[in-house]
C-alpha atoms as a PDB file:
ATOM      1  CA  MET A   1     106.269 -82.017 -13.520  1.00  0.00           C
ATOM      2  CA  LYS A   2     102.635 -82.504 -14.586  1.00  0.00           C
ATOM      3  CA  ILE A   3     100.838 -84.498 -17.256  1.00  0.00           C
ATOM      4  CA  ILE A   4      97.328 -83.127 -17.788  1.00  0.00           C
ATOM      5  CA  GLU A   5      94.525 -84.560 -19.911  1.00  0.00           C
ATOM      6  CA  VAL A   6      92.307 -81.835 -21.413  1.00  0.00           C
ATOM      7  CA  THR A   7      88.872 -82.951 -22.575  1.00  0.00           C
ATOM      8  CA  HIS A   8      87.007 -79.640 -23.052  1.00  0.00           C
ATOM      9  CA  PHE A   9      87.775 -76.440 -24.986  1.00  0.00           C
ATOM     10  CA  SER A  10      87.317 -74.255 -21.893  1.00  0.00           C
ATOM     11  CA  ASP A  11      90.168 -76.103 -20.167  1.00  0.00           C
ATOM     12  CA  PHE A  12      92.373 -75.982 -23.268  1.00  0.00           C
ATOM     13  CA  GLU A  13      91.903 -72.209 -23.358  1.00  0.00           C
ATOM     14  CA  LYS A  14      94.035 -71.975 -20.208  1.00  0.00           C
ATOM     15  CA  PHE A  15      97.088 -73.197 -22.163  1.00  0.00           C
ATOM     16  CA  ASN A  16      97.044 -70.574 -24.904  1.00  0.00           C
ATOM     17  CA  ASP A  17     100.127 -68.967 -23.361  1.00  0.00           C
ATOM     18  CA  LEU A  18     102.205 -72.069 -24.126  1.00  0.00           C
ATOM     19  CA  TYR A  19     101.908 -71.356 -27.846  1.00  0.00           C
ATOM     20  CA  LYS A  20     103.311 -67.877 -27.255  1.00  0.00           C
ATOM     21  CA  SER A  21     106.411 -69.193 -25.495  1.00  0.00           C
ATOM     22  CA  LYS A  22     109.852 -68.708 -26.953  1.00  0.00           C
ATOM     23  CA  ASN A  23     111.379 -71.250 -29.355  1.00  0.00           C
ATOM     24  CA  VAL A  24     108.023 -72.737 -30.386  1.00  0.00           C
ATOM     25  CA  SER A  25     107.818 -72.945 -34.165  1.00  0.00           C
ATOM     26  CA  ASN A  26     107.598 -76.704 -34.677  1.00  0.00           C
ATOM     27  CA  PHE A  27     103.895 -76.909 -35.427  1.00  0.00           C
ATOM     28  CA  GLU A  28     101.607 -76.464 -38.407  1.00  0.00           C
ATOM     29  CA  ILE A  29      98.089 -75.078 -38.688  1.00  0.00           C
ATOM     30  CA  PHE A  30      96.482 -78.341 -37.555  1.00  0.00           C
ATOM     31  CA  GLN A  31      98.332 -78.206 -34.238  1.00  0.00           C
ATOM     32  CA  SER A  32      97.918 -74.458 -33.740  1.00  0.00           C
ATOM     33  CA  TYR A  33      96.002 -73.123 -30.768  1.00  0.00           C
ATOM     34  CA  ASP A  34      93.255 -71.549 -32.910  1.00  0.00           C
ATOM     35  CA  PHE A  35      92.639 -74.737 -34.886  1.00  0.00           C
ATOM     36  CA  ILE A  36      92.534 -77.072 -31.864  1.00  0.00           C
ATOM     37  CA  PHE A  37      90.506 -74.717 -29.644  1.00  0.00           C
ATOM     38  CA  ASN A  38      87.872 -74.093 -32.326  1.00  0.00           C
ATOM     39  CA  TYR A  39      87.729 -77.775 -33.283  1.00  0.00           C
ATOM     40  CA  MET A  40      87.046 -78.701 -29.653  1.00  0.00           C
ATOM     41  CA  LYS A  41      84.449 -75.952 -29.340  1.00  0.00           C
ATOM     42  CA  PHE A  42      82.674 -76.834 -32.606  1.00  0.00           C
ATOM     43  CA  TYR A  43      82.606 -80.585 -31.877  1.00  0.00           C
ATOM     44  CA  LYS A  44      81.578 -80.404 -28.221  1.00  0.00           C
ATOM     45  CA  ASP A  45      80.315 -84.002 -28.175  1.00  0.00           C
ATOM     46  CA  LYS A  46      83.524 -85.649 -29.372  1.00  0.00           C
ATOM     47  CA  LYS A  47      85.837 -87.323 -26.887  1.00  0.00           C
ATOM     48  CA  PHE A  48      89.091 -85.336 -26.654  1.00  0.00           C
ATOM     49  CA  HIS A  49      92.372 -86.411 -25.077  1.00  0.00           C
ATOM     50  CA  VAL A  50      94.647 -83.396 -25.464  1.00  0.00           C
ATOM     51  CA  ILE A  51      97.732 -84.263 -23.415  1.00  0.00           C
ATOM     52  CA  ILE A  52      99.757 -81.425 -21.888  1.00  0.00           C
ATOM     53  CA  TYR A  53     103.153 -82.072 -20.299  1.00  0.00           C
ATOM     54  CA  LYS A  54     104.432 -79.145 -18.228  1.00  0.00           C
ATOM     55  CA  ASP A  55     107.593 -78.842 -16.162  1.00  0.00           C
ATOM     56  CA  ASN A  56     108.360 -75.229 -15.221  1.00  0.00           C
ATOM     57  CA  GLU A  57     109.052 -73.546 -18.593  1.00  0.00           C
ATOM     58  CA  LYS A  58     109.218 -76.789 -20.556  1.00  0.00           C
ATOM     59  CA  PHE A  59     106.096 -78.184 -22.170  1.00  0.00           C
ATOM     60  CA  LEU A  60     104.740 -80.562 -24.768  1.00  0.00           C
ATOM     61  CA  ILE A  61     101.252 -80.797 -26.331  1.00  0.00           C
ATOM     62  CA  LEU A  62      99.879 -83.919 -28.002  1.00  0.00           C
ATOM     63  CA  PRO A  63      96.389 -83.075 -29.387  1.00  0.00           C
ATOM     64  CA  LEU A  64      94.421 -86.349 -29.577  1.00  0.00           C
ATOM     65  CA  TYR A  65      90.779 -87.365 -29.863  1.00  0.00           C
ATOM     66  CA  LYS A  66      88.623 -90.438 -30.511  1.00  0.00           C
ATOM     67  CA  PHE A  67      87.237 -91.075 -33.993  1.00  0.00           C
ATOM     68  CA  LYS A  68      85.945 -93.925 -36.137  1.00  0.00           C
ATOM     69  CA  TYR A  69      88.183 -95.539 -38.749  1.00  0.00           C
ATOM     70  CA  PHE A  70      86.631 -98.469 -40.645  1.00  0.00           C
ATOM     71  CA  MET A  71      83.948 -98.371 -37.925  1.00  0.00           C
ATOM     72  CA  LEU A  72      86.585 -99.043 -35.254  1.00  0.00           C
ATOM     73  CA  ASP A  73      87.287 -96.645 -32.387  1.00  0.00           C
ATOM     74  CA  GLN A  74      90.747 -95.096 -32.730  1.00  0.00           C
ATOM     75  CA  ILE A  75      92.777 -92.406 -31.003  1.00  0.00           C
ATOM     76  CA  GLY A  76      94.695 -90.012 -33.231  1.00  0.00           C
ATOM     77  CA  PHE A  77      95.408 -86.397 -34.018  1.00  0.00           C
ATOM     78  CA  ILE A  78      92.562 -83.916 -33.844  1.00  0.00           C
ATOM     79  CA  GLY A  79      91.152 -83.648 -37.367  1.00  0.00           C
ATOM     80  CA  SER A  80      92.077 -87.228 -38.297  1.00  0.00           C
ATOM     81  CA  PRO A  81      91.855 -88.901 -40.626  1.00  0.00           C
ATOM     82  CA  ASN A  82      90.527 -86.582 -43.354  1.00  0.00           C
ATOM     83  CA  LEU A  83      91.283 -83.017 -42.314  1.00  0.00           C
ATOM     84  CA  SER A  84      94.731 -82.751 -40.752  1.00  0.00           C
ATOM     85  CA  GLU A  85      98.114 -82.796 -42.521  1.00  0.00           C
ATOM     86  CA  ILE A  86     101.714 -82.906 -41.231  1.00  0.00           C
ATOM     87  CA  ASN A  87     101.180 -83.797 -37.586  1.00  0.00           C
ATOM     88  CA  ASP A  88     103.632 -83.959 -34.703  1.00  0.00           C
ATOM     89  CA  VAL A  89     103.941 -82.931 -31.076  1.00  0.00           C
ATOM     90  CA  VAL A  90     104.157 -79.238 -30.131  1.00  0.00           C
ATOM     91  CA  HIS A  91     106.968 -78.548 -27.681  1.00  0.00           C
ATOM     92  CA  ASN A  92     109.814 -76.256 -26.635  1.00  0.00           C
ATOM     93  CA  ILE A  93     112.212 -78.994 -25.502  1.00  0.00           C
ATOM     94  CA  VAL A  94     115.652 -78.730 -27.091  1.00  0.00           C
ATOM     95  CA  ASN A  95     117.341 -81.917 -25.852  1.00  0.00           C
ATOM     96  CA  ASP A  96     116.353 -84.854 -28.095  1.00  0.00           C
ATOM     97  CA  TYR A  97     116.930 -87.500 -25.428  1.00  0.00           C
ATOM     98  CA  GLU A  98     114.813 -85.590 -22.899  1.00  0.00           C
ATOM     99  CA  LEU A  99     112.093 -85.115 -25.519  1.00  0.00           C
ATOM    100  CA  SER A 100     112.040 -88.848 -26.224  1.00  0.00           C
ATOM    101  CA  GLU A 101     111.751 -89.639 -22.510  1.00  0.00           C
ATOM    102  CA  ILE A 102     108.854 -87.207 -22.106  1.00  0.00           C
ATOM    103  CA  ILE A 103     106.988 -88.786 -25.028  1.00  0.00           C
ATOM    104  CA  LYS A 104     107.477 -92.173 -23.340  1.00  0.00           C
ATOM    105  CA  LYS A 105     106.002 -90.788 -20.093  1.00  0.00           C
ATOM    106  CA  ILE A 106     102.992 -89.474 -22.012  1.00  0.00           C
ATOM    107  CA  PHE A 107     102.311 -92.853 -23.609  1.00  0.00           C
ATOM    108  CA  ASP A 108     102.684 -94.544 -20.216  1.00  0.00           C
ATOM    109  CA  PHE A 109     100.113 -92.035 -18.929  1.00  0.00           C
ATOM    110  CA  LEU A 110      97.745 -92.867 -21.824  1.00  0.00           C
ATOM    111  CA  LYS A 111      98.178 -96.570 -21.119  1.00  0.00           C
ATOM    112  CA  SER A 112      97.267 -96.016 -17.462  1.00  0.00           C
ATOM    113  CA  LYS A 113      94.035 -94.392 -18.739  1.00  0.00           C
ATOM    114  CA  LYS A 114      93.285 -97.500 -20.851  1.00  0.00           C
ATOM    115  CA  ILE A 115      93.934 -95.496 -24.036  1.00  0.00           C
ATOM    116  CA  THR A 116      95.823 -98.015 -26.132  1.00  0.00           C
ATOM    117  CA  LYS A 117      94.586 -98.148 -29.750  1.00  0.00           C
ATOM    118  CA  PHE A 118      96.154 -95.531 -32.000  1.00  0.00           C
ATOM    119  CA  TYR A 119      96.014 -94.443 -35.603  1.00  0.00           C
ATOM    120  CA  PHE A 120      98.478 -91.624 -36.337  1.00  0.00           C
ATOM    121  CA  ASN A 121      98.241 -90.015 -39.749  1.00  0.00           C
ATOM    122  CA  ASN A 122     100.627 -87.852 -41.756  1.00  0.00           C
ATOM    123  CA  ILE A 123     103.679 -87.821 -39.508  1.00  0.00           C
ATOM    124  CA  LYS A 124     106.979 -86.394 -40.713  1.00  0.00           C
ATOM    125  CA  LYS A 125     110.227 -87.784 -39.316  1.00  0.00           C
ATOM    126  CA  GLY A 126     110.894 -86.358 -35.884  1.00  0.00           C
ATOM    127  CA  ALA A 127     110.665 -87.140 -32.170  1.00  0.00           C
ATOM    128  CA  LEU A 128     107.216 -88.771 -32.308  1.00  0.00           C
ATOM    129  CA  PHE A 129     108.158 -90.706 -35.452  1.00  0.00           C
ATOM    130  CA  ASN A 130     111.242 -92.125 -33.693  1.00  0.00           C
ATOM    131  CA  TYR A 131     109.230 -93.078 -30.615  1.00  0.00           C
ATOM    132  CA  LEU A 132     106.645 -94.967 -32.686  1.00  0.00           C
ATOM    133  CA  ILE A 133     109.363 -96.823 -34.614  1.00  0.00           C
ATOM    134  CA  LYS A 134     111.134 -97.892 -31.405  1.00  0.00           C
ATOM    135  CA  ASN A 135     107.909 -99.070 -29.778  1.00  0.00           C
ATOM    136  CA  ASN A 136     106.724-101.440 -32.501  1.00  0.00           C
ATOM    137  CA  PHE A 137     104.018 -99.318 -34.031  1.00  0.00           C
ATOM    138  CA  GLU A 138     103.572-100.506 -37.590  1.00  0.00           C
ATOM    139  CA  ILE A 139     103.940 -98.162 -40.532  1.00  0.00           C
ATOM    140  CA  LEU A 140     100.877 -98.722 -42.678  1.00  0.00           C
ATOM    141  CA  ILE A 141     101.848 -96.579 -45.620  1.00  0.00           C
ATOM    142  CA  LYS A 142     104.454 -94.087 -46.709  1.00  0.00           C
ATOM    143  CA  HIS A 143     103.658 -91.399 -49.253  1.00  0.00           C
ATOM    144  CA  LYS A 144     104.778 -88.011 -50.486  1.00  0.00           C
ATOM    145  CA  LEU A 145     103.594 -84.632 -49.321  1.00  0.00           C
ATOM    146  CA  ASN A 146     103.809 -82.162 -52.196  1.00  0.00           C
ATOM    147  CA  SER A 147     104.858 -78.596 -51.572  1.00  0.00           C
ATOM    148  CA  HIS A 148     106.411 -75.679 -53.366  1.00  0.00           C
ATOM    149  CA  LYS A 149     109.182 -73.767 -51.657  1.00  0.00           C
ATOM    150  CA  ASN A 150     109.551 -70.041 -52.208  1.00  0.00           C
ATOM    151  CA  LYS A 151     112.501 -68.767 -54.203  1.00  0.00           C
ATOM    152  CA  GLU A 152     113.477 -65.468 -55.744  1.00  0.00           C
ATOM    153  CA  ASN A 153     111.026 -64.659 -58.561  1.00  0.00           C
ATOM    154  CA  LEU A 154     108.510 -67.201 -57.303  1.00  0.00           C
ATOM    155  CA  TYR A 155     104.996 -66.845 -58.706  1.00  0.00           C
ATOM    156  CA  GLN A 156     106.260 -65.937 -62.161  1.00  0.00           C
ATOM    157  CA  ASN A 157     105.391 -67.917 -65.273  1.00  0.00           C
ATOM    158  CA  SER A 158     108.730 -69.712 -65.017  1.00  0.00           C
ATOM    159  CA  LEU A 159     107.262 -71.530 -62.009  1.00  0.00           C
ATOM    160  CA  ILE A 160     105.478 -73.819 -64.437  1.00  0.00           C
ATOM    161  CA  GLU A 161     107.282 -75.718 -67.152  1.00  0.00           C
ATOM    162  CA  LYS A 162     106.970 -73.806 -70.428  1.00  0.00           C
ATOM    163  CA  LYS A 163     104.982 -76.609 -72.066  1.00  0.00           C
ATOM    164  CA  GLU A 164     102.362 -76.596 -69.280  1.00  0.00           C
ATOM    165  CA  ASN A 165     102.236 -72.818 -69.187  1.00  0.00           C
ATOM    166  CA  ASP A 166     101.606 -72.770 -72.945  1.00  0.00           C
ATOM    167  CA  THR A 167      98.794 -75.304 -72.490  1.00  0.00           C
ATOM    168  CA  ILE A 168      97.126 -73.137 -69.819  1.00  0.00           C
ATOM    169  CA  ASN A 169      97.359 -70.058 -72.047  1.00  0.00           C
ATOM    170  CA  LEU A 170      96.067 -71.985 -75.078  1.00  0.00           C
ATOM    171  CA  LYS A 171      92.986 -73.204 -73.191  1.00  0.00           C
ATOM    172  CA  LEU A 172      92.392 -69.725 -71.798  1.00  0.00           C
ATOM    173  CA  ARG A 173      92.390 -68.246 -75.332  1.00  0.00           C
ATOM    174  CA  LYS A 174      89.989 -71.005 -76.363  1.00  0.00           C
ATOM    175  CA  PHE A 175      87.693 -70.056 -73.469  1.00  0.00           C
ATOM    176  CA  HIS A 176      87.647 -66.396 -74.547  1.00  0.00           C
ATOM    177  CA  ARG A 177      86.882 -67.374 -78.152  1.00  0.00           C
ATOM    178  CA  GLN A 178      83.995 -69.668 -77.222  1.00  0.00           C
ATOM    179  CA  ILE A 179      82.568 -68.033 -74.076  1.00  0.00           C
ATOM    180  CA  SER A 180      81.682 -64.362 -74.169  1.00  0.00           C
ATOM    181  CA  LYS A 181      82.050 -63.847 -70.427  1.00  0.00           C
ATOM    182  CA  ASN A 182      84.653 -62.083 -68.296  1.00  0.00           C
ATOM    183  CA  ILE A 183      86.913 -63.828 -65.773  1.00  0.00           C
ATOM    184  CA  THR A 184      87.684 -62.138 -62.455  1.00  0.00           C
ATOM    185  CA  PHE A 185      89.264 -63.318 -59.207  1.00  0.00           C
ATOM    186  CA  ASN A 186      87.585 -62.985 -55.833  1.00  0.00           C
ATOM    187  CA  LYS A 187      89.829 -63.126 -52.766  1.00  0.00           C
ATOM    188  CA  ASN A 188      88.430 -64.452 -49.486  1.00  0.00           C
ATOM    189  CA  LEU A 189      85.063 -65.162 -51.038  1.00  0.00           C
ATOM    190  CA  LEU A 190      82.105 -63.959 -48.981  1.00  0.00           C
ATOM    191  CA  LEU A 191      79.342 -65.809 -50.824  1.00  0.00           C
ATOM    192  CA  GLU A 192      76.531 -67.302 -48.770  1.00  0.00           C
ATOM    193  CA  LYS A 193      77.385 -70.658 -47.167  1.00  0.00           C
ATOM    194  CA  ASN A 194      74.518 -72.628 -48.726  1.00  0.00           C
ATOM    195  CA  TYR A 195      75.439 -71.305 -52.186  1.00  0.00           C
ATOM    196  CA  LEU A 196      79.012 -72.552 -51.735  1.00  0.00           C
ATOM    197  CA  THR A 197      77.877 -75.916 -50.396  1.00  0.00           C
ATOM    198  CA  ASN A 198      75.492 -76.439 -53.312  1.00  0.00           C
ATOM    199  CA  PHE A 199      78.262 -75.565 -55.776  1.00  0.00           C
ATOM    200  CA  ILE A 200      80.571 -78.094 -54.101  1.00  0.00           C
ATOM    201  CA  LYS A 201      77.894 -80.818 -54.073  1.00  0.00           C
ATOM    202  CA  LYS A 202      77.269 -80.284 -57.758  1.00  0.00           C
ATOM    203  CA  ASN A 203      80.898 -80.154 -58.894  1.00  0.00           C
ATOM    204  CA  LYS A 204      83.122 -82.018 -56.400  1.00  0.00           C
ATOM    205  CA  LYS A 205      83.697 -85.733 -56.900  1.00  0.00           C
ATOM    206  CA  ILE A 206      83.523 -87.261 -53.419  1.00  0.00           C
ATOM    207  CA  ASN A 207      83.857 -90.919 -52.439  1.00  0.00           C
ATOM    208  CA  ILE A 208      80.405 -92.035 -51.277  1.00  0.00           C
ATOM    209  CA  PHE A 209      81.893 -93.530 -48.078  1.00  0.00           C
ATOM    210  CA  ASN A 210      83.545 -90.205 -47.186  1.00  0.00           C
ATOM    211  CA  LYS A 211      80.656 -87.921 -48.152  1.00  0.00           C
ATOM    212  CA  LYS A 212      79.203 -87.372 -44.668  1.00  0.00           C
ATOM    213  CA  LYS A 213      82.645 -86.790 -43.179  1.00  0.00           C
ATOM    214  CA  PHE A 214      83.582 -84.401 -45.999  1.00  0.00           C
ATOM    215  CA  PHE A 215      80.585 -82.112 -45.464  1.00  0.00           C
ATOM    216  CA  ASP A 216      80.955 -82.365 -41.704  1.00  0.00           C
ATOM    217  CA  ASN A 217      84.535 -81.080 -42.100  1.00  0.00           C
ATOM    218  CA  LEU A 218      83.322 -78.416 -44.540  1.00  0.00           C
ATOM    219  CA  ASN A 219      80.881 -77.053 -41.940  1.00  0.00           C
ATOM    220  CA  PHE A 220      83.759 -76.832 -39.479  1.00  0.00           C
ATOM    221  CA  ILE A 221      85.850 -74.971 -42.081  1.00  0.00           C
ATOM    222  CA  TYR A 222      83.037 -72.419 -42.489  1.00  0.00           C
ATOM    223  CA  TYR A 223      82.961 -72.041 -38.695  1.00  0.00           C
ATOM    224  CA  LEU A 224      86.744 -71.664 -38.519  1.00  0.00           C
ATOM    225  CA  LYS A 225      86.623 -68.941 -41.175  1.00  0.00           C
ATOM    226  CA  GLU A 226      84.137 -66.980 -39.076  1.00  0.00           C
ATOM    227  CA  LYS A 227      86.264 -67.263 -35.931  1.00  0.00           C
ATOM    228  CA  THR A 228      89.843 -66.935 -37.245  1.00  0.00           C
ATOM    229  CA  ASN A 229      92.038 -65.748 -40.119  1.00  0.00           C
ATOM    230  CA  LEU A 230      93.201 -69.289 -40.888  1.00  0.00           C
ATOM    231  CA  VAL A 231      90.829 -70.131 -43.757  1.00  0.00           C
ATOM    232  CA  ILE A 232      90.996 -68.759 -47.304  1.00  0.00           C
ATOM    233  CA  ILE A 233      88.245 -69.220 -49.880  1.00  0.00           C
ATOM    234  CA  ASP A 234      89.516 -67.996 -53.243  1.00  0.00           C
ATOM    235  CA  SER A 235      87.479 -68.101 -56.444  1.00  0.00           C
ATOM    236  CA  LEU A 236      87.817 -67.640 -60.158  1.00  0.00           C
ATOM    237  CA  MET A 237      84.535 -66.065 -61.224  1.00  0.00           C
ATOM    238  CA  ILE A 238      82.950 -66.273 -64.677  1.00  0.00           C
ATOM    239  CA  GLU A 239      80.824 -63.176 -64.255  1.00  0.00           C
ATOM    240  CA  GLU A 240      78.239 -64.319 -61.650  1.00  0.00           C
ATOM    241  CA  ASP A 241      79.226 -68.014 -61.757  1.00  0.00           C
ATOM    242  CA  ILE A 242      82.025 -69.742 -59.869  1.00  0.00           C
ATOM    243  CA  GLY A 243      84.467 -71.264 -62.353  1.00  0.00           C
ATOM    244  CA  SER A 244      87.003 -72.577 -59.837  1.00  0.00           C
ATOM    245  CA  LEU A 245      87.121 -72.589 -56.041  1.00  0.00           C
ATOM    246  CA  ILE A 246      90.103 -73.063 -53.736  1.00  0.00           C
ATOM    247  CA  ILE A 247      89.540 -73.654 -50.022  1.00  0.00           C
ATOM    248  CA  GLY A 248      92.696 -73.721 -47.951  1.00  0.00           C
ATOM    249  CA  PHE A 249      94.470 -72.695 -44.766  1.00  0.00           C
ATOM    250  CA  ASN A 250      96.943 -69.838 -44.399  1.00  0.00           C
ATOM    251  CA  PHE A 251      99.304 -70.169 -41.440  1.00  0.00           C
ATOM    252  CA  ASN A 252     102.936 -69.268 -40.713  1.00  0.00           C
ATOM    253  CA  ASN A 253     103.537 -68.128 -44.311  1.00  0.00           C
ATOM    254  CA  LYS A 254     102.268 -71.468 -45.635  1.00  0.00           C
ATOM    255  CA  LEU A 255      99.158 -71.922 -47.705  1.00  0.00           C
ATOM    256  CA  PHE A 256      97.666 -75.412 -47.357  1.00  0.00           C
ATOM    257  CA  TYR A 257      95.838 -76.032 -50.636  1.00  0.00           C
ATOM    258  CA  SER A 258      93.118 -78.211 -49.145  1.00  0.00           C
ATOM    259  CA  ILE A 259      89.974 -78.423 -51.322  1.00  0.00           C
ATOM    260  CA  PRO A 260      89.939 -77.516 -55.037  1.00  0.00           C
ATOM    261  CA  ILE A 261      86.580 -77.568 -56.886  1.00  0.00           C
ATOM    262  CA  TYR A 262      86.113 -76.836 -60.588  1.00  0.00           C
ATOM    263  CA  ASN A 263      82.896 -75.973 -62.418  1.00  0.00           C
ATOM    264  CA  LYS A 264      82.018 -79.014 -64.557  1.00  0.00           C
ATOM    265  CA  ASN A 265      80.480 -76.804 -67.237  1.00  0.00           C
ATOM    266  CA  TYR A 266      83.926 -75.402 -68.079  1.00  0.00           C
ATOM    267  CA  LYS A 267      86.000 -78.553 -67.582  1.00  0.00           C
ATOM    268  CA  LYS A 268      87.638 -78.529 -71.024  1.00  0.00           C
ATOM    269  CA  TYR A 269      89.223 -75.126 -70.380  1.00  0.00           C
ATOM    270  CA  SER A 270      91.251 -76.258 -67.314  1.00  0.00           C
ATOM    271  CA  LEU A 271      90.347 -73.095 -65.433  1.00  0.00           C
ATOM    272  CA  GLY A 272      91.485 -74.731 -62.184  1.00  0.00           C
ATOM    273  CA  ASN A 273      95.086 -74.715 -63.421  1.00  0.00           C
ATOM    274  CA  TYR A 274      94.737 -71.103 -64.556  1.00  0.00           C
ATOM    275  CA  HIS A 275      93.287 -70.221 -61.145  1.00  0.00           C
ATOM    276  CA  LEU A 276      96.182 -71.915 -59.346  1.00  0.00           C
ATOM    277  CA  LYS A 277      98.722 -70.209 -61.599  1.00  0.00           C
ATOM    278  CA  ASN A 278      97.154 -66.797 -60.848  1.00  0.00           C
ATOM    279  CA  LEU A 279      97.013 -67.552 -57.123  1.00  0.00           C
ATOM    280  CA  LYS A 280     100.749 -68.239 -57.076  1.00  0.00           C
ATOM    281  CA  LYS A 281     101.651 -65.384 -59.400  1.00  0.00           C
ATOM    282  CA  GLN A 282      99.773 -62.685 -57.477  1.00  0.00           C
ATOM    283  CA  ASN A 283     100.728 -64.061 -54.039  1.00  0.00           C
ATOM    284  CA  PHE A 284      97.816 -62.170 -52.512  1.00  0.00           C
ATOM    285  CA  TYR A 285      98.117 -64.165 -49.284  1.00  0.00           C
ATOM    286  CA  ARG A 286     101.856 -63.444 -48.868  1.00  0.00           C
ATOM    287  CA  VAL A 287     102.973 -67.043 -48.431  1.00  0.00           C
ATOM    288  CA  ASP A 288     106.414 -68.616 -48.780  1.00  0.00           C
ATOM    289  CA  TYR A 289     105.197 -72.190 -49.191  1.00  0.00           C
ATOM    290  CA  LEU A 290     102.283 -73.707 -51.041  1.00  0.00           C
ATOM    291  CA  ILE A 291     101.443 -77.143 -49.604  1.00  0.00           C
ATOM    292  CA  PHE A 292      99.340 -79.372 -51.862  1.00  0.00           C
ATOM    293  CA  GLY A 293      99.079 -82.268 -49.428  1.00  0.00           C
ATOM    294  CA  ALA A 294      99.600 -85.955 -50.042  1.00  0.00           C
ATOM    295  CA  GLY A 295      98.391 -87.596 -53.240  1.00  0.00           C
ATOM    296  CA  ASN A 296      99.236 -88.057 -56.892  1.00  0.00           C
ATOM    297  CA  GLU A 297      96.626 -85.840 -58.523  1.00  0.00           C
ATOM    298  CA  GLU A 298      97.688 -84.715 -61.984  1.00  0.00           C
ATOM    299  CA  TYR A 299      97.645 -80.973 -61.239  1.00  0.00           C
ATOM    300  CA  LYS A 300     100.275 -81.456 -58.510  1.00  0.00           C
ATOM    301  CA  LYS A 301     102.720 -82.862 -61.034  1.00  0.00           C
ATOM    302  CA  LYS A 302     102.482 -79.792 -63.242  1.00  0.00           C
ATOM    303  CA  PHE A 303     104.182 -77.412 -60.847  1.00  0.00           C
ATOM    304  CA  ASN A 304     107.722 -77.167 -59.517  1.00  0.00           C
ATOM    305  CA  LEU A 305     107.475 -79.373 -56.422  1.00  0.00           C
ATOM    306  CA  THR A 306     109.553 -80.558 -53.525  1.00  0.00           C
ATOM    307  CA  LYS A 307     108.369 -83.781 -51.897  1.00  0.00           C
ATOM    308  CA  ASP A 308     108.543 -84.773 -48.240  1.00  0.00           C
ATOM    309  CA  GLU A 309     107.839 -88.280 -46.979  1.00  0.00           C
ATOM    310  CA  ILE A 310     105.029 -88.689 -44.453  1.00  0.00           C
ATOM    311  CA  TYR A 311     103.807 -91.833 -42.705  1.00  0.00           C
ATOM    312  CA  LEU A 312     100.770 -93.469 -41.143  1.00  0.00           C
ATOM    313  CA  PHE A 313     101.202 -95.535 -37.976  1.00  0.00           C
ATOM    314  CA  THR A 314      99.008 -97.886 -35.981  1.00  0.00           C
ATOM    315  CA  ASN A 315      99.277-100.441 -33.175  1.00  0.00           C
ATOM    316  CA  ASP A 316      95.749-101.797 -33.703  1.00  0.00           C
ATOM    317  CA  LEU A 317      95.779-105.391 -34.973  1.00  0.00           C
ATOM    318  CA  LYS A 318      92.373-105.025 -36.654  1.00  0.00           C
ATOM    319  CA  ILE A 319      93.486-101.963 -38.603  1.00  0.00           C
ATOM    320  CA  LYS A 320      96.665-103.765 -39.632  1.00  0.00           C
ATOM    321  CA  LEU A 321      94.597-106.694 -40.897  1.00  0.00           C
ATOM    322  CA  ILE A 322      92.187-104.428 -42.798  1.00  0.00           C
ATOM    323  CA  ASN A 323      95.086-102.707 -44.529  1.00  0.00           C
ATOM    324  CA  LYS A 324      96.728-106.006 -45.410  1.00  0.00           C
ATOM    325  CA  LEU A 325      93.447-107.091 -47.004  1.00  0.00           C
ATOM    326  CA  LYS A 326      93.439-103.801 -48.922  1.00  0.00           C
ATOM    327  CA  ASN A 327      96.983-104.646 -50.119  1.00  0.00           C
ATOM    328  CA  VAL A 328      98.455-101.561 -48.534  1.00  0.00           C
ATOM    329  CA  TYR A 329     102.207-101.998 -48.699  1.00  0.00           C
ATOM    330  CA  ASN A 330     103.996-102.241 -45.349  1.00  0.00           C
ATOM    331  CA  PHE A 331     107.204-100.215 -45.273  1.00  0.00           C
ATOM    332  CA  LYS A 332     108.337-101.606 -41.927  1.00  0.00           C
ATOM    333  CA  LYS A 333     111.161-103.569 -43.565  1.00  0.00           C
ATOM    334  CA  TYR A 334     112.968-100.322 -44.473  1.00  0.00           C
ATOM    335  CA  PHE A 335     113.637 -99.667 -40.816  1.00  0.00           C
END
């Protein structure tokens, strides 16, 4: 039995075979080999703590790194806190008790390395969730992750409530009456990177405190698109202009709808909703699930959704205090 700490992409590359092992399907794009390897390679100067447990054919991967949260050093999932969604451990261990014991050994290992302050974002209920509950990590917040599950006849107009579908069609007719330009759709957009970035800067509303992090993540997304097939950039074009842009991740028949941007000049026509409707109807990317991510944005409420609960955890007293001052509700009492 070995517990290995991987701090460099060249060392992580040696464990690619683990992801190809049998019975490994319990991970999402943000824990996939291609995402983690390219993240480590792109951000060479970050401090990574990717923990690998290996015992003959059994293994577990916990992809961690150090980042700043409220200017405090934290350890959490690679991509935290703004890029990754639906995190957990990657493993091929069937026995739940054994899995729990291995997670305990990993945290004992981290403690021996003086790695003790954690901020875990977007965890669904599972083995890691249960470990954190039992070991007095505090749940900072619980929220919903919005997704749409595939069914027979998915991507038809019936996907959207008739009232909303009528509204989309009404605004589209209004666009064609008032704007004498053609609409087309461009799959896997190949426009020049600076052109895309300038469009996003002009049209995307970004919290001033998150702006640097947002564009840092965007540069990584461009890099990931060059190196893998994970990234999709889909656009609704108004002749030569971008009317709506969707940047997302396509992995394991799931499309993670990550960054939507709409052209402010055409705001009243709701072309973003029309773009999303067309994306689902055509199913160009051959996906079974469309994952919108956490949040209560209005467009997410307009589509047939299932909702999963996800959680944020910490054991850092300063982070707990900051969140109490922010009036973030503590759901600990439910457990």
